[in-house]
């Protein structure tokens, strides 16, 4: 064990003498995480500025405006009135409001007939979430209005007098749809940007350790260091274990640094510190496995650097290190399940939204373990084929 630790310590000293190693694994992820935190600071409070054009000036249109100004939405929606659709369109295009709702002339009157005049929602590609909110509120209100119309029509069809229609309509307007949607299974804590991109950038740069480790192996091989150590009584197994330990410690130190700085300096939060530690350890082990795979696949230092770079960028692009998983296509979200960083980010996301314990990190840890096991199996097969060739 002393020999293994001595080899690991020697590799760590060599790595820490390299300034680029400090920059890539410790400094760069912290700086980029800081930029993410500053860029998205105070953006966790969602707000929607919605314009309203009331061309109808009837009670039905007034009801929609009242919904937008209701106590339930007062902390989320700010309403601005415009005289016509053209003014609202210009405001949306200029960013003065995120979306605008145009209630057409005759909307209230059309409710008394067979077909209601449609309400128009003007949106912008720059504010997709706010536009979705405007559409959702409008569609919900129109659905409520249609439910009221249906109830009055049903009463008339059942024999109610035409003279009772105004009273029935007034009573129907006070009703609400009995079926409600309530989300369950997810905690109420919002995911902070830094809670996602802190570990995301940490994993991105720590994966470059694969290239460092593989390059260092071939450099020492060219210098004859590996042959001298292998010829010593310690044996080649102690050499490989020592180098694996150094890669593990270096990777884990990088991940720990980013998560600690994100927590202490930028108010990142995760529900379970033990879960954060478990995911970091699992990723550090995976980096060791990937380093061994690159060494088994190539024969030179240049090949190791090239393959490691391709491998790193493939993993981070598929795993969602640059964008939230919800912002990608279903195909990319499926492919992320074949990457260790994709699984780790799922775990950090759950931890960042208040999920604790095995519910948050169980599946990600199993996913990372399965990936690492496959990498180890492939590496062992390649090394066996290399010995027999």
Protein backbone atom coordinates (compact mmCIF):
# COMPACT_ATOMS: atom_id res chain seq x y z
CA UNK A 1 0.00 0.00 0.00
CA UNK A 2 2.89 2.36 0.76
CA UNK A 3 4.27 1.87 -2.74
CA UNK A 4 0.87 2.57 -4.31
CA UNK A 5 0.51 5.78 -2.32
CA UNK A 6 4.06 6.82 -3.22
CA UNK A 7 3.32 6.39 -6.94
CA UNK A 8 0.04 8.28 -6.59
CA UNK A 9 1.74 11.11 -4.69
CA UNK A 10 4.45 11.32 -7.35
CA UNK A 11 1.84 11.64 -10.12
CA UNK A 12 -0.12 14.25 -8.18
CA UNK A 13 3.01 16.34 -7.63
CA UNK A 14 3.80 16.21 -11.32
CA UNK A 15 0.27 17.24 -12.20
CA UNK A 16 0.15 20.09 -9.72
CA UNK A 17 3.40 21.49 -11.11
CA UNK A 18 1.58 21.90 -14.43
CA UNK A 19 -0.17 25.29 -14.45
CA UNK A 20 -2.58 24.20 -17.16
CA UNK A 21 -3.85 21.48 -14.84
CA UNK A 22 -4.72 24.07 -12.21
CA UNK A 23 -6.47 26.23 -14.78
CA UNK A 24 -8.52 23.51 -16.46
CA UNK A 25 -9.67 21.52 -13.43
CA UNK A 26 -9.83 24.14 -10.67
CA UNK A 27 -9.88 27.72 -12.01
CA UNK A 28 -11.82 27.49 -15.30
CA UNK A 29 -14.92 25.66 -13.99
CA UNK A 30 -15.15 28.04 -11.01
CA UNK A 31 -14.91 31.12 -13.25
CA UNK A 32 -17.46 29.84 -15.75
CA UNK A 33 -19.82 28.83 -12.94
CA UNK A 34 -19.43 32.36 -11.54
CA UNK A 35 -20.30 33.86 -14.91
CA UNK A 36 -23.38 31.62 -15.09
CA UNK A 37 -24.44 32.71 -11.62
CA UNK A 38 -24.04 36.42 -12.45
CA UNK A 39 -25.73 36.09 -15.84
CA UNK A 40 -28.79 34.39 -14.42
CA UNK A 41 -28.85 36.08 -11.00
CA UNK A 42 -32.35 37.01 -9.85
CA UNK A 43 -33.88 35.21 -12.83
CA UNK A 44 -35.42 32.53 -10.66
CA UNK A 45 -38.46 34.80 -10.05
CA UNK A 46 -40.49 34.30 -13.19
CA UNK A 47 -42.31 37.41 -14.46
CA UNK A 48 -44.50 37.90 -17.51
CA UNK A 49 -45.42 41.30 -18.92
CA UNK A 50 -48.60 40.71 -20.92
CA UNK A 51 -50.38 43.28 -23.03
CA UNK A 52 -54.16 43.30 -23.41
CA UNK A 53 -56.12 44.80 -26.29
CA UNK A 54 -59.81 45.00 -25.44
CA UNK A 55 -61.63 45.69 -28.70
CA UNK A 56 -64.80 44.13 -27.33
CA UNK A 57 -65.35 46.26 -24.20
CA UNK A 58 -67.91 43.77 -23.01
CA UNK A 59 -68.22 41.81 -19.77
CA UNK A 60 -66.60 38.69 -21.23
CA UNK A 61 -63.47 40.62 -22.21
CA UNK A 62 -63.41 42.38 -18.85
CA UNK A 63 -63.52 38.98 -17.17
CA UNK A 64 -60.33 37.90 -18.94
CA UNK A 65 -58.54 41.05 -17.77
CA UNK A 66 -59.72 40.38 -14.23
CA UNK A 67 -58.27 36.88 -14.40
CA UNK A 68 -54.88 38.27 -15.44
CA UNK A 69 -55.01 40.74 -12.54
CA UNK A 70 -56.27 38.18 -10.02
CA UNK A 71 -54.44 37.68 -6.69
CA UNK A 72 -53.21 34.28 -7.86
CA UNK A 73 -51.25 35.90 -10.71
CA UNK A 74 -50.32 39.27 -9.23
CA UNK A 75 -46.77 38.15 -8.38
CA UNK A 76 -46.25 36.67 -11.83
CA UNK A 77 -48.20 38.70 -14.40
CA UNK A 78 -48.04 42.43 -15.06
CA UNK A 79 -50.77 43.70 -17.41
CA UNK A 80 -50.44 46.60 -19.84
CA UNK A 81 -53.34 47.89 -21.95
CA UNK A 82 -53.09 48.86 -25.63
CA UNK A 83 -55.60 50.51 -27.94
CA UNK A 84 -55.20 48.23 -30.94
CA UNK A 85 -53.51 45.05 -32.12
CA UNK A 86 -50.85 46.94 -34.13
CA UNK A 87 -49.61 48.77 -31.04
CA UNK A 88 -49.53 45.52 -29.10
CA UNK A 89 -47.62 43.80 -31.91
CA UNK A 90 -45.01 46.56 -31.94
CA UNK A 91 -44.66 46.31 -28.15
CA UNK A 92 -44.12 42.56 -28.37
CA UNK A 93 -41.55 42.92 -31.15
CA UNK A 94 -39.70 45.63 -29.23
CA UNK A 95 -39.71 43.63 -26.00
CA UNK A 96 -41.97 46.07 -24.15
CA UNK A 97 -44.20 43.14 -23.27
CA UNK A 98 -43.52 39.42 -23.54
CA UNK A 99 -46.86 38.57 -25.15
CA UNK A 100 -50.19 40.24 -25.87
CA UNK A 101 -53.80 39.07 -25.83
CA UNK A 102 -56.22 40.61 -28.33
CA UNK A 103 -59.93 40.25 -27.51
CA UNK A 104 -61.75 40.92 -30.80
CA UNK A 105 -64.72 43.21 -31.24
CA UNK A 106 -67.99 41.33 -30.72
CA UNK A 107 -66.47 38.64 -28.49
CA UNK A 108 -69.14 39.03 -25.78
CA UNK A 109 -71.95 39.18 -28.33
CA UNK A 110 -70.66 36.07 -30.11
CA UNK A 111 -71.04 34.06 -26.92
CA UNK A 112 -74.79 34.32 -27.28
CA UNK A 113 -74.63 32.71 -30.71
CA UNK A 114 -73.36 29.39 -31.89
CA UNK A 115 -69.68 30.16 -32.44
CA UNK A 116 -67.48 32.42 -30.33
CA UNK A 117 -65.01 34.79 -31.99
CA UNK A 118 -61.48 33.49 -31.28
CA UNK A 119 -59.11 35.41 -29.00
CA UNK A 120 -55.68 36.16 -30.51
CA UNK A 121 -52.38 35.76 -28.62
CA UNK A 122 -49.37 37.65 -29.99
CA UNK A 123 -46.06 36.15 -28.90
CA UNK A 124 -42.32 36.43 -29.46
CA UNK A 125 -39.72 33.78 -30.07
CA UNK A 126 -37.55 35.43 -27.40
CA UNK A 127 -40.05 34.82 -24.59
CA UNK A 128 -41.43 31.35 -25.11
CA UNK A 129 -42.35 30.64 -21.47
CA UNK A 130 -44.24 33.92 -21.08
CA UNK A 131 -46.08 33.23 -24.33
CA UNK A 132 -47.06 29.79 -23.04
CA UNK A 133 -48.40 31.41 -19.88
CA UNK A 134 -50.47 33.89 -21.90
CA UNK A 135 -51.89 31.10 -24.04
CA UNK A 136 -52.60 28.91 -21.01
CA UNK A 137 -54.49 31.66 -19.16
CA UNK A 138 -56.44 32.59 -22.29
CA UNK A 139 -57.34 28.99 -23.12
CA UNK A 140 -58.36 28.34 -19.51
CA UNK A 141 -60.62 31.39 -19.48
CA UNK A 142 -62.20 30.53 -22.83
CA UNK A 143 -62.77 26.97 -21.62
CA UNK A 144 -64.52 28.35 -18.54
CA UNK A 145 -66.68 30.63 -20.72
CA UNK A 146 -67.59 27.72 -23.00
CA UNK A 147 -68.49 25.63 -19.96
CA UNK A 148 -70.85 28.39 -18.85
CA UNK A 149 -72.41 28.59 -22.31
CA UNK A 150 -72.87 24.83 -22.34
CA UNK A 151 -74.59 24.85 -18.96
CA UNK A 152 -77.02 27.58 -20.07
CA UNK A 153 -77.73 25.76 -23.35
CA UNK A 154 -78.37 22.55 -21.43
CA UNK A 155 -80.82 24.32 -19.13
CA UNK A 156 -82.69 25.82 -22.10
CA UNK A 157 -82.78 22.45 -23.85
CA UNK A 158 -84.25 20.95 -20.67
CA UNK A 159 -87.13 23.44 -20.75
CA UNK A 160 -85.90 26.63 -19.07
CA UNK A 161 -87.59 29.79 -20.28
CA UNK A 162 -85.81 32.17 -22.64
CA UNK A 163 -86.48 34.95 -20.14
CA UNK A 164 -84.36 33.07 -17.58
CA UNK A 165 -81.26 33.02 -19.80
CA UNK A 166 -79.66 36.23 -18.36
CA UNK A 167 -80.07 34.96 -14.83
CA UNK A 168 -78.74 31.54 -15.76
CA UNK A 169 -75.78 33.08 -17.54
CA UNK A 170 -74.97 35.22 -14.50
CA UNK A 171 -75.04 32.18 -12.23
CA UNK A 172 -72.93 30.13 -14.67
CA UNK A 173 -70.32 32.88 -14.69
CA UNK A 174 -69.81 32.35 -10.96
CA UNK A 175 -69.15 28.64 -11.37
CA UNK A 176 -65.74 27.06 -11.88
CA UNK A 177 -64.80 23.86 -13.64
CA UNK A 178 -64.88 21.10 -10.99
CA UNK A 179 -61.87 19.21 -12.34
CA UNK A 180 -58.53 20.63 -11.24
CA UNK A 181 -54.96 19.61 -12.07
CA UNK A 182 -52.50 19.26 -9.22
CA UNK A 183 -48.88 18.20 -9.75
CA UNK A 184 -47.54 15.62 -7.32
CA UNK A 185 -44.28 13.76 -6.99
CA UNK A 186 -42.05 16.82 -7.46
CA UNK A 187 -40.77 19.07 -4.69
CA UNK A 188 -41.58 22.76 -4.66
CA UNK A 189 -37.98 24.01 -4.56
CA UNK A 190 -37.02 25.81 -7.79
CA UNK A 191 -33.80 24.70 -9.45
CA UNK A 192 -31.18 27.44 -9.27
CA UNK A 193 -29.07 27.90 -12.37
CA UNK A 194 -25.84 27.64 -10.39
CA UNK A 195 -27.03 24.38 -8.79
CA UNK A 196 -27.10 22.87 -12.29
CA UNK A 197 -24.22 24.58 -14.08
CA UNK A 198 -21.82 24.46 -11.13
CA UNK A 199 -21.47 20.64 -11.16
CA UNK A 200 -22.06 20.64 -14.92
CA UNK A 201 -18.99 22.76 -15.62
CA UNK A 202 -17.04 20.86 -12.97
CA UNK A 203 -17.73 17.57 -14.75
CA UNK A 204 -16.97 19.10 -18.14
CA UNK A 205 -13.47 20.19 -17.15
CA UNK A 206 -12.73 17.18 -14.95
CA UNK A 207 -13.35 14.95 -17.97
CA UNK A 208 -10.27 16.57 -19.51
CA UNK A 209 -8.35 14.65 -16.84
CA UNK A 210 -8.78 11.66 -19.13
CA UNK A 211 -6.45 13.32 -21.62
CA UNK A 212 -3.96 14.35 -18.94
CA UNK A 213 -3.76 10.86 -17.50
CA UNK A 214 -3.41 9.12 -20.85
CA UNK A 215 -0.77 11.59 -22.08
CA UNK A 216 1.20 11.23 -18.87
CA UNK A 217 1.21 7.45 -19.25
CA UNK A 218 2.71 7.57 -22.75
CA UNK A 219 5.20 10.29 -21.81
CA UNK A 220 6.53 8.14 -18.97
CA UNK A 221 6.54 5.16 -21.29
CA UNK A 222 8.73 7.04 -23.79
CA UNK A 223 11.07 8.14 -21.01
CA UNK A 224 11.41 4.57 -19.76
CA UNK A 225 9.97 5.39 -16.33
CA UNK A 226 7.26 2.76 -16.57
CA UNK A 227 9.70 0.02 -17.50
CA UNK A 228 11.98 0.87 -14.56
CA UNK A 229 9.07 0.86 -12.09
CA UNK A 230 7.64 -2.35 -13.57
CA UNK A 231 11.02 -4.04 -13.24
CA UNK A 232 11.22 -3.11 -9.57
CA UNK A 233 9.88 -5.49 -6.89
CA UNK A 234 6.65 -3.44 -6.66
CA UNK A 235 5.32 -4.89 -9.91
CA UNK A 236 3.14 -3.44 -12.65
CA UNK A 237 -0.11 -3.87 -10.69
CA UNK A 238 1.06 -1.44 -8.00
CA UNK A 239 2.03 0.99 -10.75
CA UNK A 240 -1.41 0.89 -12.37
CA UNK A 241 -3.24 1.16 -9.04
CA UNK A 242 -1.08 4.11 -7.99
CA UNK A 243 -1.78 5.99 -11.21
CA UNK A 244 -5.49 5.23 -10.88
CA UNK A 245 -5.49 6.60 -7.33
CA UNK A 246 -3.83 9.83 -8.46
CA UNK A 247 -6.37 10.28 -11.26
CA UNK A 248 -9.23 9.59 -8.85
CA UNK A 249 -7.97 12.07 -6.22
CA UNK A 250 -7.30 14.76 -8.81
CA UNK A 251 -10.76 14.37 -10.38
CA UNK A 252 -12.56 14.29 -7.05
CA UNK A 253 -10.67 17.37 -5.86
CA UNK A 254 -11.77 19.26 -8.96
CA UNK A 255 -15.44 18.34 -8.52
CA UNK A 256 -15.33 19.09 -4.79
CA UNK A 257 -13.78 22.51 -5.44
CA UNK A 258 -16.47 23.54 -7.92
CA UNK A 259 -19.37 22.36 -5.77
CA UNK A 260 -17.99 23.99 -2.62
CA UNK A 261 -17.36 27.32 -4.35
CA UNK A 262 -20.81 27.19 -5.97
CA UNK A 263 -22.35 26.59 -2.55
CA UNK A 264 -20.30 29.06 -0.50
CA UNK A 265 -19.94 31.92 -2.99
CA UNK A 266 -22.99 31.66 -5.25
CA UNK A 267 -25.66 30.15 -3.00
CA UNK A 268 -26.05 26.87 -4.85
CA UNK A 269 -28.18 24.42 -2.91
CA UNK A 270 -28.62 20.65 -2.92
CA UNK A 271 -30.94 18.83 -0.56
CA UNK A 272 -28.52 16.06 0.41
CA UNK A 273 -24.75 16.69 0.80
CA UNK A 274 -24.12 12.94 0.97
CA UNK A 275 -25.83 12.59 -2.40
CA UNK A 276 -23.54 15.27 -3.86
CA UNK A 277 -20.52 13.42 -2.46
CA UNK A 278 -21.72 10.08 -3.84
CA UNK A 279 -22.23 11.49 -7.34
CA UNK A 280 -18.80 13.17 -7.25
CA UNK A 281 -17.08 9.96 -6.19
CA UNK A 282 -18.91 7.98 -8.89
CA UNK A 283 -17.84 10.45 -11.57
CA UNK A 284 -14.21 10.38 -10.35
CA UNK A 285 -14.21 6.57 -10.60
CA UNK A 286 -15.67 6.84 -14.10
CA UNK A 287 -12.87 9.22 -15.13
CA UNK A 288 -10.33 6.58 -14.03
CA UNK A 289 -12.11 3.97 -16.16
CA UNK A 290 -12.22 6.25 -19.20
CA UNK A 291 -8.51 7.02 -18.83
CA UNK A 292 -7.71 3.32 -18.88
CA UNK A 293 -9.90 2.87 -21.97
CA UNK A 294 -8.06 5.61 -23.89
CA UNK A 295 -4.68 4.09 -22.95
CA UNK A 296 -5.87 0.69 -24.17
CA UNK A 297 -7.13 2.10 -27.48
CA UNK A 298 -4.12 4.17 -28.61
CA UNK A 299 -0.35 3.78 -28.90
CA UNK A 300 1.04 7.34 -28.75
CA UNK A 301 0.71 10.54 -26.75
CA UNK A 302 -0.79 12.43 -29.72
CA UNK A 303 -3.38 9.72 -30.31
CA UNK A 304 -4.30 9.78 -26.63
CA UNK A 305 -4.86 13.54 -26.67
CA UNK A 306 -6.98 13.40 -29.82
CA UNK A 307 -9.15 10.49 -28.72
CA UNK A 308 -9.64 11.96 -25.24
CA UNK A 309 -10.80 15.28 -26.71
CA UNK A 310 -13.30 13.56 -29.00
CA UNK A 311 -14.57 11.42 -26.14
CA UNK A 312 -14.96 14.39 -23.77
CA UNK A 313 -16.89 16.57 -26.20
CA UNK A 314 -19.12 13.68 -27.25
CA UNK A 315 -20.02 13.01 -23.63
CA UNK A 316 -20.68 16.63 -22.67
CA UNK A 317 -22.74 17.34 -25.78
CA UNK A 318 -24.89 14.26 -25.30
CA UNK A 319 -25.02 14.51 -21.50
CA UNK A 320 -26.46 18.04 -21.36
CA UNK A 321 -23.55 19.91 -19.79
CA UNK A 322 -24.17 23.00 -21.91
CA UNK A 323 -27.98 23.12 -21.84
CA UNK A 324 -30.71 21.97 -19.50
CA UNK A 325 -31.98 18.51 -20.37
CA UNK A 326 -35.51 19.93 -20.76
CA UNK A 327 -34.25 22.22 -23.51
CA UNK A 328 -33.04 19.42 -25.77
CA UNK A 329 -34.83 17.07 -28.13
CA UNK A 330 -36.28 13.72 -26.98
CA UNK A 331 -33.55 11.93 -28.92
CA UNK A 332 -30.78 13.77 -27.06
CA UNK A 333 -32.51 13.15 -23.73
CA UNK A 334 -32.54 9.43 -24.55
CA UNK A 335 -28.88 9.44 -25.58
CA UNK A 336 -27.97 11.21 -22.33
CA UNK A 337 -28.91 8.02 -20.52
CA UNK A 338 -25.87 6.38 -22.13
CA UNK A 339 -23.46 8.92 -20.62
CA UNK A 340 -22.21 9.07 -17.01
CA UNK A 341 -22.37 12.87 -16.87
CA UNK A 342 -25.94 12.79 -18.14
CA UNK A 343 -26.91 10.54 -15.24
CA UNK A 344 -24.94 12.65 -12.76
CA UNK A 345 -26.70 15.82 -13.91
CA UNK A 346 -30.06 14.12 -13.38
CA UNK A 347 -28.99 13.43 -9.82
CA UNK A 348 -27.77 17.00 -9.23
CA UNK A 349 -31.03 18.33 -10.70
CA UNK A 350 -33.12 16.25 -8.32
CA UNK A 351 -30.92 17.24 -5.39
CA UNK A 352 -31.22 20.89 -6.45
CA UNK A 353 -35.02 20.71 -6.40
CA UNK A 354 -35.30 19.22 -2.94
CA UNK A 355 -35.26 15.45 -3.55
CA UNK A 356 -33.23 13.57 -0.94
CA UNK A 357 -31.48 10.25 -0.49
CA UNK A 358 -31.79 7.26 -2.78
CA UNK A 359 -34.74 8.80 -4.62
CA UNK A 360 -32.39 11.46 -6.00
CA UNK A 361 -29.14 9.58 -6.57
CA UNK A 362 -30.14 5.90 -6.76
CA UNK A 363 -30.80 5.68 -10.49
CA UNK A 364 -27.92 8.05 -11.43
CA UNK A 365 -25.42 6.04 -9.37
CA UNK A 366 -26.58 2.80 -10.98
CA UNK A 367 -26.37 4.42 -14.42
CA UNK A 368 -22.82 5.66 -13.81
CA UNK A 369 -21.83 2.27 -12.39
CA UNK A 370 -23.23 0.46 -15.43
CA UNK A 371 -21.34 2.78 -17.80
CA UNK A 372 -18.10 2.31 -15.83
CA UNK A 373 -18.55 -1.47 -15.81
CA UNK A 374 -18.94 -1.54 -19.60
CA UNK A 375 -15.84 0.63 -20.01
CA UNK A 376 -13.83 -1.67 -17.72
CA UNK A 377 -14.98 -4.74 -19.65
CA UNK A 378 -14.05 -3.21 -23.00
CA UNK A 379 -10.68 -2.07 -21.63
CA UNK A 380 -9.88 -5.54 -20.29
CA UNK A 381 -10.77 -7.09 -23.64
CA UNK A 382 -8.57 -4.63 -25.55
CA UNK A 383 -5.62 -5.22 -23.25
CA UNK A 384 -5.97 -8.98 -23.64
CA UNK A 385 -6.08 -8.66 -27.42
CA UNK A 386 -3.01 -6.41 -27.31
CA UNK A 387 -1.03 -9.02 -25.32
CA UNK A 388 -1.92 -11.80 -27.73
CA UNK A 389 -1.19 -9.77 -30.88
